[in-house]
All heavy atoms as atom14 arrays in JSON, in Angstrom:
{
  "sequence": "FEGLLLREKDFRKYVTEHDWSQYQDKYVALR",
  "atom14_mask": [
    [1, 1, 1, 1, 1, 1, 1, 1, 1, 1, 1, 0, 0, 0],
    [1, 1, 1, 1, 1, 1, 1, 1, 1, 0, 0, 0, 0, 0],
    [1, 1, 1, 1, 0, 0, 0, 0, 0, 0, 0, 0, 0, 0],
    [1, 1, 1, 1, 1, 1, 1, 1, 0, 0, 0, 0, 0, 0],
    [1, 1, 1, 1, 1, 1, 1, 1, 0, 0, 0, 0, 0, 0],
    [1, 1, 1, 1, 1, 1, 1, 1, 0, 0, 0, 0, 0, 0],
    [1, 1, 1, 1, 1, 1, 1, 1, 1, 1, 1, 0, 0, 0],
    [1, 1, 1, 1, 1, 1, 1, 1, 1, 0, 0, 0, 0, 0],
    [1, 1, 1, 1, 1, 1, 1, 1, 1, 0, 0, 0, 0, 0],
    [1, 1, 1, 1, 1, 1, 1, 1, 0, 0, 0, 0, 0, 0],
    [1, 1, 1, 1, 1, 1, 1, 1, 1, 1, 1, 0, 0, 0],
    [1, 1, 1, 1, 1, 1, 1, 1, 1, 1, 1, 0, 0, 0],
    [1, 1, 1, 1, 1, 1, 1, 1, 1, 0, 0, 0, 0, 0],
    [1, 1, 1, 1, 1, 1, 1, 1, 1, 1, 1, 1, 0, 0],
    [1, 1, 1, 1, 1, 1, 1, 0, 0, 0, 0, 0, 0, 0],
    [1, 1, 1, 1, 1, 1, 1, 0, 0, 0, 0, 0, 0, 0],
    [1, 1, 1, 1, 1, 1, 1, 1, 1, 0, 0, 0, 0, 0],
    [1, 1, 1, 1, 1, 1, 1, 1, 1, 1, 0, 0, 0, 0],
    [1, 1, 1, 1, 1, 1, 1, 1, 0, 0, 0, 0, 0, 0],
    [1, 1, 1, 1, 1, 1, 1, 1, 1, 1, 1, 1, 1, 1],
    [1, 1, 1, 1, 1, 1, 0, 0, 0, 0, 0, 0, 0, 0],
    [1, 1, 1, 1, 1, 1, 1, 1, 1, 0, 0, 0, 0, 0],
    [1, 1, 1, 1, 1, 1, 1, 1, 1, 1, 1, 1, 0, 0],
    [1, 1, 1, 1, 1, 1, 1, 1, 1, 0, 0, 0, 0, 0],
    [1, 1, 1, 1, 1, 1, 1, 1, 0, 0, 0, 0, 0, 0],
    [1, 1, 1, 1, 1, 1, 1, 1, 1, 0, 0, 0, 0, 0],
    [1, 1, 1, 1, 1, 1, 1, 1, 1, 1, 1, 1, 0, 0],
    [1, 1, 1, 1, 1, 1, 1, 0, 0, 0, 0, 0, 0, 0],
    [1, 1, 1, 1, 1, 0, 0, 0, 0, 0, 0, 0, 0, 0],
    [1, 1, 1, 1, 1, 1, 1, 1, 0, 0, 0, 0, 0, 0],
    [1, 1, 1, 1, 1, 1, 1, 1, 1, 1, 1, 0, 0, 0]
  ],
  "atom14_positions": [
    [[17.21, -0.94, -36.19], [18.64, -0.93, -36.61], [19.05, 0.46, -37.11], [18.41, 1.0, -38.02], [18.84, -1.97, -37.75], [20.21, -2.08, -38.26], [21.23, -2.62, -37.51], [20.51, -1.62, -39.55], [22.54, -2.67, -38.08], [21.76, -1.66, -40.11], [22.73, -2.2, -39.36], [0.0, 0.0, 0.0], [0.0, 0.0, 0.0], [0.0, 0.0, 0.0]],
    [[20.04, 1.06, -36.47], [20.53, 2.36, -36.77], [19.38, 3.39, -36.68], [19.41, 4.52, -37.31], [21.26, 2.46, -38.05], [22.5, 1.6, -38.08], [23.26, 1.65, -39.43], [22.86, 2.43, -40.32], [24.35, 1.05, -39.55], [0.0, 0.0, 0.0], [0.0, 0.0, 0.0], [0.0, 0.0, 0.0], [0.0, 0.0, 0.0], [0.0, 0.0, 0.0]],
    [[18.38, 3.11, -35.9], [17.26, 3.97, -35.71], [16.34, 4.13, -36.85], [15.39, 4.92, -36.86], [0.0, 0.0, 0.0], [0.0, 0.0, 0.0], [0.0, 0.0, 0.0], [0.0, 0.0, 0.0], [0.0, 0.0, 0.0], [0.0, 0.0, 0.0], [0.0, 0.0, 0.0], [0.0, 0.0, 0.0], [0.0, 0.0, 0.0], [0.0, 0.0, 0.0]],
    [[16.59, 3.37, -37.94], [15.83, 3.58, -39.18], [15.22, 2.32, -39.76], [14.23, 2.43, -40.55], [16.65, 4.26, -40.26], [17.16, 5.67, -39.98], [18.07, 6.07, -40.99], [15.87, 6.61, -39.99], [0.0, 0.0, 0.0], [0.0, 0.0, 0.0], [0.0, 0.0, 0.0], [0.0, 0.0, 0.0], [0.0, 0.0, 0.0], [0.0, 0.0, 0.0]],
    [[15.74, 1.2, -39.45], [15.29, -0.08, -40.14], [14.71, -1.07, -39.12], [15.35, -1.45, -38.18], [16.45, -0.65, -40.88], [16.11, -1.92, -41.65], [15.15, -1.61, -42.81], [17.42, -2.51, -42.23], [0.0, 0.0, 0.0], [0.0, 0.0, 0.0], [0.0, 0.0, 0.0], [0.0, 0.0, 0.0], [0.0, 0.0, 0.0], [0.0, 0.0, 0.0]],
    [[13.5, -1.45, -39.28], [12.91, -2.53, -38.41], [13.25, -3.83, -38.94], [12.91, -4.22, -40.07], [11.4, -2.32, -38.35], [10.7, -3.16, -37.38], [9.5, -2.55, -36.75], [10.25, -4.55, -37.91], [0.0, 0.0, 0.0], [0.0, 0.0, 0.0], [0.0, 0.0, 0.0], [0.0, 0.0, 0.0], [0.0, 0.0, 0.0], [0.0, 0.0, 0.0]],
    [[14.01, -4.58, -38.19], [14.32, -5.97, -38.43], [13.4, -6.83, -37.66], [13.44, -6.86, -36.4], [15.74, -6.3, -38.11], [16.8, -5.63, -39.03], [18.19, -6.03, -38.68], [19.18, -5.62, -39.6], [20.46, -5.59, -39.44], [20.94, -6.03, -38.26], [21.28, -5.23, -40.37], [0.0, 0.0, 0.0], [0.0, 0.0, 0.0], [0.0, 0.0, 0.0]],
    [[12.59, -7.61, -38.28], [11.46, -8.3, -37.6], [11.98, -9.2, -36.44], [11.42, -9.19, -35.35], [10.65, -9.12, -38.59], [9.46, -9.73, -37.91], [8.5, -10.5, -38.84], [8.62, -10.39, -40.05], [7.63, -11.24, -38.34], [0.0, 0.0, 0.0], [0.0, 0.0, 0.0], [0.0, 0.0, 0.0], [0.0, 0.0, 0.0], [0.0, 0.0, 0.0]],
    [[12.97, -9.98, -36.78], [13.46, -10.96, -35.75], [13.95, -10.18, -34.49], [13.63, -10.53, -33.36], [14.54, -11.79, -36.29], [15.07, -12.88, -35.4], [16.14, -13.7, -36.09], [16.63, -14.8, -35.06], [17.75, -15.62, -35.65], [0.0, 0.0, 0.0], [0.0, 0.0, 0.0], [0.0, 0.0, 0.0], [0.0, 0.0, 0.0], [0.0, 0.0, 0.0]],
    [[14.75, -9.12, -34.71], [15.28, -8.35, -33.58], [14.15, -7.64, -32.82], [14.13, -7.59, -31.62], [16.32, -7.36, -34.05], [17.51, -8.0, -34.65], [17.85, -9.16, -34.26], [18.27, -7.31, -35.42], [0.0, 0.0, 0.0], [0.0, 0.0, 0.0], [0.0, 0.0, 0.0], [0.0, 0.0, 0.0], [0.0, 0.0, 0.0], [0.0, 0.0, 0.0]],
    [[13.25, -7.1, -33.6], [12.12, -6.35, -33.05], [11.24, -7.25, -32.11], [10.93, -6.88, -31.04], [11.31, -5.73, -34.12], [10.31, -4.75, -33.64], [10.67, -3.36, -33.36], [8.94, -5.11, -33.49], [9.74, -2.48, -32.91], [8.0, -4.13, -33.02], [8.39, -2.91, -32.77], [0.0, 0.0, 0.0], [0.0, 0.0, 0.0], [0.0, 0.0, 0.0]],
    [[10.97, -8.41, -32.65], [10.21, -9.35, -31.86], [10.95, -9.79, -30.61], [10.29, -9.93, -29.53], [9.84, -10.66, -32.67], [8.76, -10.4, -33.69], [8.38, -11.67, -34.44], [7.36, -11.4, -35.44], [6.03, -11.39, -35.15], [5.66, -11.54, -33.93], [5.13, -11.16, -36.07], [0.0, 0.0, 0.0], [0.0, 0.0, 0.0], [0.0, 0.0, 0.0]],
    [[12.24, -9.9, -30.68], [13.01, -10.23, -29.46], [12.9, -9.13, -28.47], [12.71, -9.39, -27.24], [14.47, -10.4, -29.86], [15.34, -10.89, -28.71], [16.77, -11.17, -29.16], [17.58, -11.56, -27.99], [19.04, -11.66, -28.25], [0.0, 0.0, 0.0], [0.0, 0.0, 0.0], [0.0, 0.0, 0.0], [0.0, 0.0, 0.0], [0.0, 0.0, 0.0]],
    [[12.97, -7.88, -28.87], [12.86, -6.75, -27.94], [11.5, -6.72, -27.26], [11.36, -6.6, -26.06], [12.98, -5.38, -28.69], [14.43, -5.06, -29.03], [14.72, -4.71, -30.34], [15.45, -5.11, -28.14], [15.97, -4.43, -30.76], [16.75, -4.73, -28.55], [17.04, -4.39, -29.88], [18.31, -4.08, -30.21], [0.0, 0.0, 0.0], [0.0, 0.0, 0.0]],
    [[10.45, -7.05, -28.05], [9.07, -7.05, -27.54], [8.98, -8.21, -26.48], [8.42, -8.04, -25.37], [8.03, -7.18, -28.6], [6.63, -7.45, -28.06], [8.06, -5.96, -29.5], [0.0, 0.0, 0.0], [0.0, 0.0, 0.0], [0.0, 0.0, 0.0], [0.0, 0.0, 0.0], [0.0, 0.0, 0.0], [0.0, 0.0, 0.0], [0.0, 0.0, 0.0]],
    [[9.5, -9.34, -26.77], [9.42, -10.55, -25.89], [10.18, -10.29, -24.61], [9.71, -10.65, -23.57], [9.96, -11.76, -26.63], [9.23, -11.94, -27.82], [9.83, -13.02, -25.71], [0.0, 0.0, 0.0], [0.0, 0.0, 0.0], [0.0, 0.0, 0.0], [0.0, 0.0, 0.0], [0.0, 0.0, 0.0], [0.0, 0.0, 0.0], [0.0, 0.0, 0.0]],
    [[11.32, -9.67, -24.63], [12.19, -9.52, -23.52], [11.94, -8.3, -22.59], [12.44, -8.18, -21.58], [13.7, -9.55, -23.95], [14.15, -10.92, -24.55], [15.52, -10.96, -25.09], [16.16, -9.86, -25.09], [15.97, -12.02, -25.5], [0.0, 0.0, 0.0], [0.0, 0.0, 0.0], [0.0, 0.0, 0.0], [0.0, 0.0, 0.0], [0.0, 0.0, 0.0]],
    [[11.19, -7.43, -23.14], [10.91, -6.13, -22.45], [10.01, -6.34, -21.21], [9.11, -7.19, -21.28], [10.3, -5.16, -23.37], [10.18, -3.7, -22.86], [11.25, -2.9, -22.7], [9.16, -3.0, -22.33], [10.95, -1.72, -22.15], [9.62, -1.79, -21.99], [0.0, 0.0, 0.0], [0.0, 0.0, 0.0], [0.0, 0.0, 0.0], [0.0, 0.0, 0.0]],
    [[10.32, -5.64, -20.14], [9.43, -5.73, -18.96], [8.25, -4.83, -19.08], [8.28, -3.71, -18.78], [10.3, -5.44, -17.67], [9.42, -5.39, -16.44], [8.31, -5.98, -16.38], [9.91, -4.84, -15.4], [0.0, 0.0, 0.0], [0.0, 0.0, 0.0], [0.0, 0.0, 0.0], [0.0, 0.0, 0.0], [0.0, 0.0, 0.0], [0.0, 0.0, 0.0]],
    [[7.14, -5.37, -19.49], [5.94, -4.53, -19.71], [5.14, -4.24, -18.46], [4.36, -3.3, -18.44], [5.01, -5.31, -20.73], [5.68, -5.48, -22.07], [6.16, -6.66, -22.58], [5.93, -4.48, -23.0], [6.74, -6.4, -23.81], [6.58, -5.09, -24.14], [5.67, -3.11, -23.11], [6.96, -4.37, -25.24], [6.07, -2.44, -24.24], [6.72, -3.11, -25.28]],
    [[5.47, -4.92, -17.38], [4.81, -4.65, -16.15], [5.02, -3.32, -15.53], [4.26, -2.81, -14.8], [5.19, -5.75, -15.09], [6.52, -5.62, -14.68], [0.0, 0.0, 0.0], [0.0, 0.0, 0.0], [0.0, 0.0, 0.0], [0.0, 0.0, 0.0], [0.0, 0.0, 0.0], [0.0, 0.0, 0.0], [0.0, 0.0, 0.0], [0.0, 0.0, 0.0]],
    [[6.13, -2.63, -16.04], [6.4, -1.26, -15.59], [5.35, -0.26, -16.11], [5.35, 0.86, -15.62], [7.84, -0.81, -15.98], [8.02, -0.75, -17.55], [9.45, -0.46, -17.95], [9.97, 0.52, -17.5], [10.05, -1.38, -18.67], [0.0, 0.0, 0.0], [0.0, 0.0, 0.0], [0.0, 0.0, 0.0], [0.0, 0.0, 0.0], [0.0, 0.0, 0.0]],
    [[4.51, -0.67, -17.02], [3.48, 0.17, -17.54], [2.14, -0.09, -16.91], [1.08, 0.42, -17.43], [3.36, 0.08, -19.05], [4.74, 0.27, -19.72], [5.58, -0.76, -20.01], [5.17, 1.61, -19.95], [6.85, -0.5, -20.65], [6.38, 1.86, -20.48], [7.24, 0.81, -20.83], [8.46, 1.05, -21.4], [0.0, 0.0, 0.0], [0.0, 0.0, 0.0]],
    [[2.13, -0.78, -15.77], [0.85, -1.08, -15.07], [0.07, 0.17, -14.77], [0.64, 1.11, -14.15], [1.17, -1.86, -13.74], [-0.03, -2.38, -13.07], [-0.75, -3.44, -13.8], [-0.14, -4.42, -14.21], [-2.09, -3.37, -13.97], [0.0, 0.0, 0.0], [0.0, 0.0, 0.0], [0.0, 0.0, 0.0], [0.0, 0.0, 0.0], [0.0, 0.0, 0.0]],
    [[-1.16, 0.25, -15.17], [-2.1, 1.34, -14.97], [-1.61, 2.66, -15.47], [-1.96, 3.72, -14.92], [-2.4, 1.42, -13.45], [-3.09, 0.16, -12.93], [-3.9, -0.41, -13.69], [-2.86, -0.16, -11.78], [0.0, 0.0, 0.0], [0.0, 0.0, 0.0], [0.0, 0.0, 0.0], [0.0, 0.0, 0.0], [0.0, 0.0, 0.0], [0.0, 0.0, 0.0]],
    [[-0.83, 2.66, -16.56], [-0.38, 3.89, -17.17], [-0.99, 4.01, -18.55], [-1.53, 3.06, -19.14], [1.21, 3.85, -17.31], [1.82, 3.88, -15.93], [3.26, 3.92, -16.0], [3.72, 4.08, -14.5], [4.9, 3.53, -14.15], [0.0, 0.0, 0.0], [0.0, 0.0, 0.0], [0.0, 0.0, 0.0], [0.0, 0.0, 0.0], [0.0, 0.0, 0.0]],
    [[-1.0, 5.24, -19.06], [-1.38, 5.58, -20.47], [-0.25, 5.73, -21.28], [0.74, 6.4, -20.95], [-2.25, 6.86, -20.42], [-3.52, 6.76, -19.59], [-3.52, 7.09, -18.25], [-4.65, 6.36, -20.21], [-4.69, 7.01, -17.5], [-5.86, 6.3, -19.43], [-5.85, 6.61, -18.09], [-7.01, 6.49, -17.4], [0.0, 0.0, 0.0], [0.0, 0.0, 0.0]],
    [[-0.18, 4.92, -22.34], [1.04, 4.88, -23.22], [0.78, 5.26, -24.63], [-0.14, 4.81, -25.27], [1.59, 3.4, -23.19], [2.92, 3.37, -23.98], [1.81, 2.94, -21.79], [0.0, 0.0, 0.0], [0.0, 0.0, 0.0], [0.0, 0.0, 0.0], [0.0, 0.0, 0.0], [0.0, 0.0, 0.0], [0.0, 0.0, 0.0], [0.0, 0.0, 0.0]],
    [[1.63, 6.23, -25.1], [1.6, 6.66, -26.45], [2.76, 6.06, -27.15], [3.96, 6.23, -26.69], [1.64, 8.24, -26.54], [0.0, 0.0, 0.0], [0.0, 0.0, 0.0], [0.0, 0.0, 0.0], [0.0, 0.0, 0.0], [0.0, 0.0, 0.0], [0.0, 0.0, 0.0], [0.0, 0.0, 0.0], [0.0, 0.0, 0.0], [0.0, 0.0, 0.0]],
    [[2.52, 5.36, -28.27], [3.65, 4.74, -29.04], [3.97, 5.64, -30.21], [3.11, 6.18, -30.85], [3.18, 3.38, -29.56], [2.65, 2.34, -28.58], [2.11, 1.13, -29.36], [3.77, 1.95, -27.7], [0.0, 0.0, 0.0], [0.0, 0.0, 0.0], [0.0, 0.0, 0.0], [0.0, 0.0, 0.0], [0.0, 0.0, 0.0], [0.0, 0.0, 0.0]],
    [[5.3, 5.82, -30.47], [5.68, 6.54, -31.58], [7.12, 6.17, -32.01], [7.85, 5.49, -31.27], [5.67, 8.06, -31.26], [6.73, 8.54, -30.35], [6.71, 9.96, -30.05], [7.01, 10.78, -31.19], [8.03, 11.53, -31.39], [8.92, 11.74, -30.42], [8.16, 12.23, -32.53], [0.0, 0.0, 0.0], [0.0, 0.0, 0.0], [0.0, 0.0, 0.0]]
  ]
}
């Protein structure tokens, strides 16, 4: 939220709805 606040419900929704298959066989750095 506004790039600064993690709202758990919204965050979980993003994770659930994101297409993770696009990262197949890739190396991923989270930040």
